Amino acid sequence: MMHPGFVVSGLTLAFVLSSIASGKAQVTIDASRITCDQFVHSKIAPTRTIAAWLSGFYSGKRDRQVIDAQTFEANLSKLEHFCYDEKNFKTEVMQAIEKLMSNDK
């Protein structure tokens, strides 16, 4: 039986890829390589779309099936604030998330 968190993450990724590709050849994205610059300036996909996929990914890792919209918005705000700082432009978003999550503990 497939884990619900992975299903949600997979569906979200499928949506991202289908909206990006829209009539073009198949496109794949290595989420671990997306930089803060690419994230906040929507160079890969809309910021909220990437954030939704990342939220699903991390929820799946934690075996969480609940969506807390307020927590999502708060975490997105923290990530955007971190990534908009020009000194963090080259930081990979997933590294930024790990750093921000470790600061919350």
N, C-alpha and C. Protein backbone atom coordinates (compact mmCIF):
# COMPACT_ATOMS: atom_id res chain seq x y z
N MET A 1 0.85 -1.18 0.00
CA MET A 1 0.00 0.00 0.00
C MET A 1 0.89 1.24 0.00
N MET A 2 0.58 2.20 -0.83
CA MET A 2 1.39 3.39 -0.96
C MET A 2 1.07 4.37 0.17
N HIS A 3 2.06 5.05 0.68
CA HIS A 3 1.93 6.01 1.78
C HIS A 3 1.21 7.26 1.27
N PRO A 4 0.16 7.77 1.97
CA PRO A 4 -0.60 8.93 1.50
C PRO A 4 0.25 10.18 1.28
N GLY A 5 1.24 10.41 2.14
CA GLY A 5 2.09 11.60 1.99
C GLY A 5 2.86 11.57 0.68
N PHE A 6 3.31 10.38 0.29
CA PHE A 6 4.04 10.26 -0.96
C PHE A 6 3.12 10.43 -2.15
N VAL A 7 1.87 10.00 -2.01
CA VAL A 7 0.89 10.17 -3.08
C VAL A 7 0.63 11.66 -3.30
N VAL A 8 0.42 12.41 -2.20
CA VAL A 8 0.18 13.85 -2.30
C VAL A 8 1.40 14.53 -2.92
N SER A 9 2.59 14.18 -2.47
CA SER A 9 3.81 14.77 -3.03
C SER A 9 3.94 14.45 -4.50
N GLY A 10 3.64 13.22 -4.86
CA GLY A 10 3.73 12.81 -6.26
C GLY A 10 2.73 13.55 -7.13
N LEU A 11 1.50 13.71 -6.64
CA LEU A 11 0.49 14.44 -7.41
C LEU A 11 0.87 15.90 -7.56
N THR A 12 1.41 16.49 -6.50
CA THR A 12 1.83 17.88 -6.56
C THR A 12 2.96 18.04 -7.57
N LEU A 13 3.93 17.14 -7.55
CA LEU A 13 5.04 17.19 -8.51
C LEU A 13 4.51 17.02 -9.93
N ALA A 14 3.58 16.12 -10.11
CA ALA A 14 3.00 15.91 -11.44
C ALA A 14 2.33 17.19 -11.93
N PHE A 15 1.64 17.90 -11.03
CA PHE A 15 1.01 19.16 -11.39
C PHE A 15 2.05 20.19 -11.80
N VAL A 16 3.13 20.29 -11.02
CA VAL A 16 4.21 21.24 -11.32
C VAL A 16 4.79 20.94 -12.69
N LEU A 17 5.10 19.70 -12.92
CA LEU A 17 5.73 19.34 -14.19
C LEU A 17 4.79 19.54 -15.37
N SER A 18 3.52 19.24 -15.17
CA SER A 18 2.59 19.42 -16.29
C SER A 18 2.37 20.89 -16.59
N SER A 19 2.36 21.74 -15.55
CA SER A 19 2.18 23.16 -15.79
C SER A 19 3.42 23.80 -16.41
N ILE A 20 4.58 23.26 -16.10
CA ILE A 20 5.82 23.78 -16.68
C ILE A 20 5.96 23.33 -18.13
N ALA A 21 5.71 22.07 -18.36
CA ALA A 21 5.93 21.50 -19.68
C ALA A 21 4.95 22.03 -20.71
N SER A 22 3.70 22.17 -20.35
CA SER A 22 2.62 22.63 -21.21
C SER A 22 2.95 22.62 -22.71
N GLY A 23 2.96 21.44 -23.26
CA GLY A 23 3.17 21.29 -24.69
C GLY A 23 4.62 21.11 -25.10
N LYS A 24 5.54 21.19 -24.19
CA LYS A 24 6.96 21.02 -24.50
C LYS A 24 7.36 19.57 -24.23
N ALA A 25 8.60 19.26 -24.50
CA ALA A 25 9.12 17.93 -24.19
C ALA A 25 9.09 17.71 -22.69
N GLN A 26 9.18 16.46 -22.28
CA GLN A 26 9.14 16.13 -20.86
C GLN A 26 10.25 16.85 -20.11
N VAL A 27 9.90 17.40 -18.95
CA VAL A 27 10.84 18.16 -18.13
C VAL A 27 10.90 17.51 -16.77
N THR A 28 12.10 17.38 -16.23
CA THR A 28 12.24 16.91 -14.86
C THR A 28 12.99 17.97 -14.07
N ILE A 29 12.70 18.00 -12.79
CA ILE A 29 13.31 18.98 -11.89
C ILE A 29 13.91 18.24 -10.71
N ASP A 30 15.16 18.50 -10.43
CA ASP A 30 15.79 17.94 -9.24
C ASP A 30 15.57 18.97 -8.12
N ALA A 31 14.56 18.70 -7.29
CA ALA A 31 14.18 19.65 -6.24
C ALA A 31 15.33 19.97 -5.29
N SER A 32 16.25 19.04 -5.13
CA SER A 32 17.37 19.27 -4.21
C SER A 32 18.37 20.28 -4.75
N ARG A 33 18.24 20.64 -6.03
CA ARG A 33 19.19 21.57 -6.64
C ARG A 33 18.62 22.96 -6.87
N ILE A 34 17.37 23.18 -6.49
CA ILE A 34 16.75 24.50 -6.65
C ILE A 34 17.38 25.47 -5.65
N THR A 35 17.91 26.58 -6.15
CA THR A 35 18.54 27.57 -5.28
C THR A 35 17.51 28.59 -4.79
N CYS A 36 17.89 29.31 -3.75
CA CYS A 36 17.03 30.36 -3.23
C CYS A 36 16.70 31.39 -4.31
N ASP A 37 17.69 31.75 -5.11
CA ASP A 37 17.47 32.70 -6.20
C ASP A 37 16.41 32.18 -7.16
N GLN A 38 16.52 30.93 -7.57
CA GLN A 38 15.55 30.34 -8.48
C GLN A 38 14.17 30.28 -7.83
N PHE A 39 14.14 29.99 -6.54
CA PHE A 39 12.88 29.85 -5.80
C PHE A 39 12.14 31.19 -5.71
N VAL A 40 12.79 32.20 -5.15
CA VAL A 40 12.09 33.48 -4.90
C VAL A 40 11.82 34.28 -6.16
N HIS A 41 12.56 34.00 -7.22
CA HIS A 41 12.34 34.72 -8.47
C HIS A 41 11.57 33.88 -9.49
N SER A 42 10.98 32.78 -9.01
CA SER A 42 10.11 31.92 -9.83
C SER A 42 10.76 31.51 -11.15
N LYS A 43 12.06 31.18 -11.09
CA LYS A 43 12.78 30.80 -12.30
C LYS A 43 12.50 29.35 -12.71
N ILE A 44 12.06 28.52 -11.79
CA ILE A 44 11.76 27.12 -12.06
C ILE A 44 10.25 26.93 -12.22
N ALA A 45 9.50 27.45 -11.29
CA ALA A 45 8.04 27.37 -11.26
C ALA A 45 7.57 28.44 -10.26
N PRO A 46 6.28 28.71 -10.22
CA PRO A 46 5.80 29.68 -9.23
C PRO A 46 6.22 29.27 -7.81
N THR A 47 6.60 30.26 -7.02
CA THR A 47 7.10 30.03 -5.67
C THR A 47 6.15 29.16 -4.85
N ARG A 48 4.87 29.47 -4.88
CA ARG A 48 3.90 28.73 -4.08
C ARG A 48 3.77 27.28 -4.54
N THR A 49 3.97 27.03 -5.82
CA THR A 49 3.90 25.67 -6.33
C THR A 49 5.06 24.84 -5.79
N ILE A 50 6.26 25.40 -5.85
CA ILE A 50 7.43 24.72 -5.31
C ILE A 50 7.25 24.52 -3.80
N ALA A 51 6.77 25.56 -3.11
CA ALA A 51 6.57 25.47 -1.66
C ALA A 51 5.56 24.38 -1.31
N ALA A 52 4.50 24.25 -2.09
CA ALA A 52 3.50 23.22 -1.83
C ALA A 52 4.12 21.83 -1.99
N TRP A 53 4.92 21.64 -3.04
CA TRP A 53 5.57 20.35 -3.24
C TRP A 53 6.52 20.05 -2.08
N LEU A 54 7.32 21.04 -1.69
CA LEU A 54 8.26 20.85 -0.59
C LEU A 54 7.52 20.53 0.71
N SER A 55 6.41 21.20 0.95
CA SER A 55 5.61 20.94 2.15
C SER A 55 5.12 19.49 2.14
N GLY A 56 4.65 19.02 1.01
CA GLY A 56 4.21 17.63 0.89
C GLY A 56 5.36 16.66 1.09
N PHE A 57 6.50 16.99 0.53
CA PHE A 57 7.68 16.14 0.67
C PHE A 57 8.07 15.98 2.14
N TYR A 58 8.19 17.12 2.85
CA TYR A 58 8.59 17.06 4.25
C TYR A 58 7.49 16.47 5.14
N SER A 59 6.23 16.68 4.80
CA SER A 59 5.14 16.05 5.55
C SER A 59 5.20 14.54 5.39
N GLY A 60 5.49 14.07 4.19
CA GLY A 60 5.63 12.64 3.94
C GLY A 60 6.77 12.04 4.74
N LYS A 61 7.88 12.76 4.82
CA LYS A 61 9.03 12.28 5.60
C LYS A 61 8.67 12.13 7.08
N ARG A 62 7.75 12.97 7.54
CA ARG A 62 7.37 12.96 8.96
C ARG A 62 6.09 12.17 9.20
N ASP A 63 5.57 11.53 8.16
CA ASP A 63 4.36 10.73 8.26
C ASP A 63 3.17 11.57 8.72
N ARG A 64 3.07 12.79 8.22
CA ARG A 64 1.96 13.68 8.56
C ARG A 64 1.00 13.74 7.38
N GLN A 65 -0.28 13.55 7.67
CA GLN A 65 -1.29 13.62 6.62
C GLN A 65 -2.19 14.85 6.75
N VAL A 66 -1.88 15.73 7.69
CA VAL A 66 -2.69 16.90 7.97
C VAL A 66 -2.04 18.14 7.35
N ILE A 67 -2.86 18.97 6.72
CA ILE A 67 -2.38 20.24 6.18
C ILE A 67 -2.79 21.34 7.14
N ASP A 68 -1.82 22.07 7.66
CA ASP A 68 -2.08 23.21 8.53
C ASP A 68 -1.73 24.46 7.73
N ALA A 69 -2.76 25.14 7.23
CA ALA A 69 -2.55 26.28 6.34
C ALA A 69 -1.77 27.41 7.02
N GLN A 70 -2.02 27.64 8.31
CA GLN A 70 -1.31 28.71 9.01
C GLN A 70 0.18 28.38 9.14
N THR A 71 0.48 27.14 9.46
CA THR A 71 1.88 26.73 9.57
C THR A 71 2.56 26.80 8.20
N PHE A 72 1.86 26.37 7.15
CA PHE A 72 2.40 26.45 5.80
C PHE A 72 2.76 27.89 5.46
N GLU A 73 1.84 28.81 5.71
CA GLU A 73 2.08 30.23 5.40
C GLU A 73 3.24 30.78 6.22
N ALA A 74 3.31 30.43 7.50
CA ALA A 74 4.40 30.90 8.37
C ALA A 74 5.74 30.37 7.88
N ASN A 75 5.78 29.08 7.53
CA ASN A 75 7.02 28.48 7.03
C ASN A 75 7.43 29.07 5.69
N LEU A 76 6.46 29.30 4.82
CA LEU A 76 6.75 29.92 3.52
C LEU A 76 7.32 31.31 3.71
N SER A 77 6.74 32.06 4.63
CA SER A 77 7.23 33.41 4.91
C SER A 77 8.68 33.39 5.40
N LYS A 78 8.99 32.45 6.31
CA LYS A 78 10.37 32.33 6.81
C LYS A 78 11.34 31.98 5.68
N LEU A 79 10.92 31.03 4.84
CA LEU A 79 11.77 30.60 3.73
C LEU A 79 11.99 31.73 2.73
N GLU A 80 10.93 32.44 2.39
CA GLU A 80 11.07 33.57 1.46
C GLU A 80 11.97 34.65 2.04
N HIS A 81 11.79 34.96 3.32
CA HIS A 81 12.63 35.96 3.97
C HIS A 81 14.10 35.56 3.90
N PHE A 82 14.38 34.30 4.21
CA PHE A 82 15.76 33.79 4.15
C PHE A 82 16.29 33.87 2.72
N CYS A 83 15.50 33.41 1.78
CA CYS A 83 15.97 33.31 0.39
C CYS A 83 16.07 34.67 -0.32
N TYR A 84 15.28 35.65 0.10
CA TYR A 84 15.37 36.98 -0.52
C TYR A 84 16.66 37.71 -0.14
N ASP A 85 17.33 37.26 0.90
CA ASP A 85 18.60 37.86 1.28
C ASP A 85 19.64 37.45 0.23
N GLU A 86 20.18 38.42 -0.46
CA GLU A 86 21.08 38.15 -1.59
C GLU A 86 22.25 37.24 -1.23
N LYS A 87 22.70 37.28 0.01
CA LYS A 87 23.82 36.42 0.40
C LYS A 87 23.42 34.94 0.39
N ASN A 88 22.11 34.66 0.38
CA ASN A 88 21.62 33.28 0.38
C ASN A 88 21.16 32.80 -1.00
N PHE A 89 21.32 33.60 -2.03
CA PHE A 89 20.83 33.26 -3.36
C PHE A 89 21.36 31.90 -3.86
N LYS A 90 22.59 31.56 -3.54
CA LYS A 90 23.17 30.31 -4.03
C LYS A 90 22.87 29.11 -3.14
N THR A 91 22.25 29.35 -1.99
CA THR A 91 21.89 28.26 -1.08
C THR A 91 20.76 27.45 -1.71
N GLU A 92 20.90 26.12 -1.65
CA GLU A 92 19.82 25.28 -2.14
C GLU A 92 18.65 25.36 -1.17
N VAL A 93 17.44 25.43 -1.72
CA VAL A 93 16.24 25.63 -0.91
C VAL A 93 16.09 24.53 0.15
N MET A 94 16.37 23.30 -0.22
CA MET A 94 16.22 22.22 0.76
C MET A 94 17.23 22.37 1.91
N GLN A 95 18.41 22.91 1.63
CA GLN A 95 19.37 23.20 2.70
C GLN A 95 18.84 24.34 3.57
N ALA A 96 18.23 25.34 2.94
CA ALA A 96 17.65 26.46 3.69
C ALA A 96 16.55 25.96 4.63
N ILE A 97 15.72 25.05 4.13
CA ILE A 97 14.65 24.50 4.96
C ILE A 97 15.22 23.76 6.15
N GLU A 98 16.22 22.92 5.89
CA GLU A 98 16.85 22.17 6.99
C GLU A 98 17.42 23.13 8.03
N LYS A 99 18.04 24.21 7.57
CA LYS A 99 18.61 25.19 8.49
C LYS A 99 17.51 25.88 9.30
N LEU A 100 16.45 26.29 8.62
CA LEU A 100 15.35 26.96 9.31
C LEU A 100 14.64 26.03 10.28
N MET A 101 14.50 24.76 9.90
CA MET A 101 13.85 23.79 10.79
C MET A 101 14.71 23.51 12.02
N SER A 102 16.02 23.49 11.85
CA SER A 102 16.89 23.25 13.00
C SER A 102 16.88 24.44 13.95
N ASN A 103 16.63 25.63 13.42
CA ASN A 103 16.54 26.83 14.27
C ASN A 103 15.25 26.84 15.08
N ASP A 104 14.20 26.14 14.60
CA ASP A 104 12.91 26.11 15.28
C ASP A 104 12.89 25.14 16.46
N LYS A 105 13.90 24.28 16.56
CA LYS A 105 13.90 23.27 17.63
C LYS A 105 14.35 23.84 18.93
